[in-house]
Amino acid sequence: QVQLVESGGGLVQAGGSLRLSCAASGSIFSINAMGWYRQAPGKQRELVATITSGDSTNYADSVKGRFTISRDNAENTVYLQMNSLKPEDTGVYYCNAYGNGFDYWGQGTQVTVSS
């Protein structure tokens, strides 16, 4: 089992920045990749960014050039630096870990971008 705890969400004005953190614990040796997903009201959950154990990254087109995913292996933490935020970035952001055929999810953290 892997436990994920997100932090760092909040309310920010358009053009501002936030950094989300996701701390992993438990069977972290089984994790192959981690990532961030988001869900806006009335919409399906969508991929934002992922990072593999080899540090390969992938981003949704809508966040390329504005968001950066990174990891600190010593702290078992994944970060999402979000710059130039837009109102359409509003939603609940979920941390995800994948390994050995299992998906693990955090409880989510709310990000609200005001115009």
Protein backbone atom coordinates (compact mmCIF):
# COMPACT_ATOMS: atom_id res chain seq x y z
CA GLN A 1 0.00 0.00 0.00
CA VAL A 2 1.03 3.54 -0.74
CA GLN A 3 -0.32 6.56 1.08
CA LEU A 4 -0.30 9.99 -0.55
CA VAL A 5 -0.87 13.31 1.18
CA GLU A 6 -1.21 16.50 -0.85
CA SER A 7 -0.74 20.05 0.33
CA GLY A 8 -0.29 23.53 -1.09
CA GLY A 9 -3.63 24.32 -2.68
CA GLY A 10 -5.44 27.58 -2.15
CA LEU A 11 -6.91 30.69 -3.70
CA VAL A 12 -4.79 32.77 -6.06
CA GLN A 13 -5.40 35.51 -8.59
CA ALA A 14 -4.94 34.88 -12.29
CA GLY A 15 -1.27 35.18 -13.21
CA GLY A 16 -0.16 34.01 -9.79
CA SER A 17 1.71 30.89 -8.69
CA LEU A 18 1.20 27.96 -6.37
CA ARG A 19 3.29 24.91 -5.51
CA LEU A 20 1.62 21.64 -4.68
CA SER A 21 3.37 18.91 -2.71
CA CYS A 22 2.61 15.20 -2.48
CA ALA A 23 4.31 13.14 0.21
CA ALA A 24 4.36 9.39 -0.33
CA SER A 25 4.72 6.74 2.35
CA GLY A 26 4.30 3.00 2.66
CA SER A 27 5.45 0.68 -0.12
CA ILE A 28 7.16 3.44 -2.08
CA PHE A 29 9.68 0.99 -3.57
CA SER A 30 6.83 -0.30 -5.77
CA ILE A 31 6.15 3.09 -7.39
CA ASN A 32 7.07 3.43 -11.06
CA ALA A 33 5.57 6.83 -11.74
CA MET A 34 3.79 9.65 -9.98
CA GLY A 35 1.68 12.44 -11.26
CA TRP A 36 -0.94 15.08 -10.79
CA TYR A 37 -4.49 15.02 -12.09
CA ARG A 38 -7.24 17.58 -11.68
CA GLN A 39 -11.00 17.65 -11.75
CA ALA A 40 -13.01 20.78 -12.42
CA PRO A 41 -16.66 21.02 -11.37
CA GLY A 42 -18.85 19.03 -13.76
CA LYS A 43 -15.87 17.66 -15.66
CA GLN A 44 -13.94 14.41 -15.71
CA ARG A 45 -10.62 14.02 -13.99
CA GLU A 46 -7.77 14.83 -16.38
CA LEU A 47 -4.04 14.33 -16.42
CA VAL A 48 -1.91 17.38 -15.61
CA ALA A 49 1.63 16.03 -15.41
CA THR A 50 3.53 12.83 -14.67
CA ILE A 51 7.09 11.91 -13.76
CA THR A 52 8.64 8.46 -13.90
CA SER A 53 11.24 6.88 -11.65
CA GLY A 54 13.71 7.75 -14.40
CA ASP A 55 12.64 11.41 -14.27
CA SER A 56 10.89 11.41 -17.62
CA THR A 57 8.08 13.96 -17.57
CA ASN A 58 4.85 14.41 -19.47
CA TYR A 59 2.46 17.35 -19.45
CA ALA A 60 -1.01 18.13 -20.66
CA ASP A 61 -0.88 20.59 -23.56
CA SER A 62 -2.89 23.08 -21.54
CA VAL A 63 -0.16 23.42 -18.88
CA LYS A 64 3.03 23.09 -20.94
CA GLY A 65 5.37 25.98 -20.31
CA ARG A 66 3.51 27.00 -17.14
CA PHE A 67 3.66 23.97 -14.84
CA THR A 68 6.69 21.96 -13.76
CA ILE A 69 6.62 18.57 -12.06
CA SER A 70 9.61 17.46 -10.01
CA ARG A 71 10.51 14.96 -7.33
CA ASP A 72 12.70 14.78 -4.26
CA ASN A 73 13.60 11.13 -3.78
CA ALA A 74 15.17 11.74 -0.39
CA GLU A 75 11.87 13.18 0.88
CA ASN A 76 9.63 10.83 -1.16
CA THR A 77 7.83 13.92 -2.37
CA VAL A 78 6.58 15.09 -5.74
CA TYR A 79 5.96 18.75 -6.47
CA LEU A 80 3.92 20.64 -9.01
CA GLN A 81 5.03 24.22 -9.54
CA MET A 82 2.21 26.14 -11.19
CA ASN A 83 2.94 29.54 -12.70
CA SER A 84 0.86 31.95 -14.77
CA LEU A 85 -2.29 30.40 -13.38
CA LYS A 86 -5.55 30.86 -15.25
CA PRO A 87 -9.15 30.59 -14.04
CA GLU A 88 -9.51 27.42 -16.11
CA ASP A 89 -6.85 25.81 -13.89
CA THR A 90 -9.38 25.80 -11.05
CA GLY A 91 -10.23 22.38 -9.67
CA VAL A 92 -9.33 19.69 -7.19
CA TYR A 93 -5.81 18.45 -7.78
CA TYR A 94 -5.08 14.82 -6.99
CA CYS A 95 -1.72 13.15 -6.54
CA ASN A 96 -1.35 9.75 -8.16
CA ALA A 97 1.19 6.96 -7.80
CA TYR A 98 1.37 3.93 -10.06
CA GLY A 99 3.23 0.71 -9.49
CA ASN A 100 2.81 -3.06 -9.82
CA GLY A 101 -0.50 -2.60 -11.59
CA PHE A 102 -2.01 -0.49 -8.84
CA ASP A 103 -3.11 3.13 -8.85
CA TYR A 104 -3.01 5.07 -5.60
CA TRP A 105 -4.67 8.44 -5.03
CA GLY A 106 -4.40 11.22 -2.51
CA GLN A 107 -7.40 12.97 -1.02
CA GLY A 108 -7.08 16.00 -3.27
CA THR A 109 -6.34 19.67 -2.70
CA GLN A 110 -8.44 22.55 -3.98
CA VAL A 111 -6.92 25.12 -6.31
CA THR A 112 -9.03 28.17 -7.12
CA VAL A 113 -7.85 30.83 -9.56
CA SER A 114 -9.85 34.05 -9.55
CA SER A 115 -10.07 36.31 -12.59
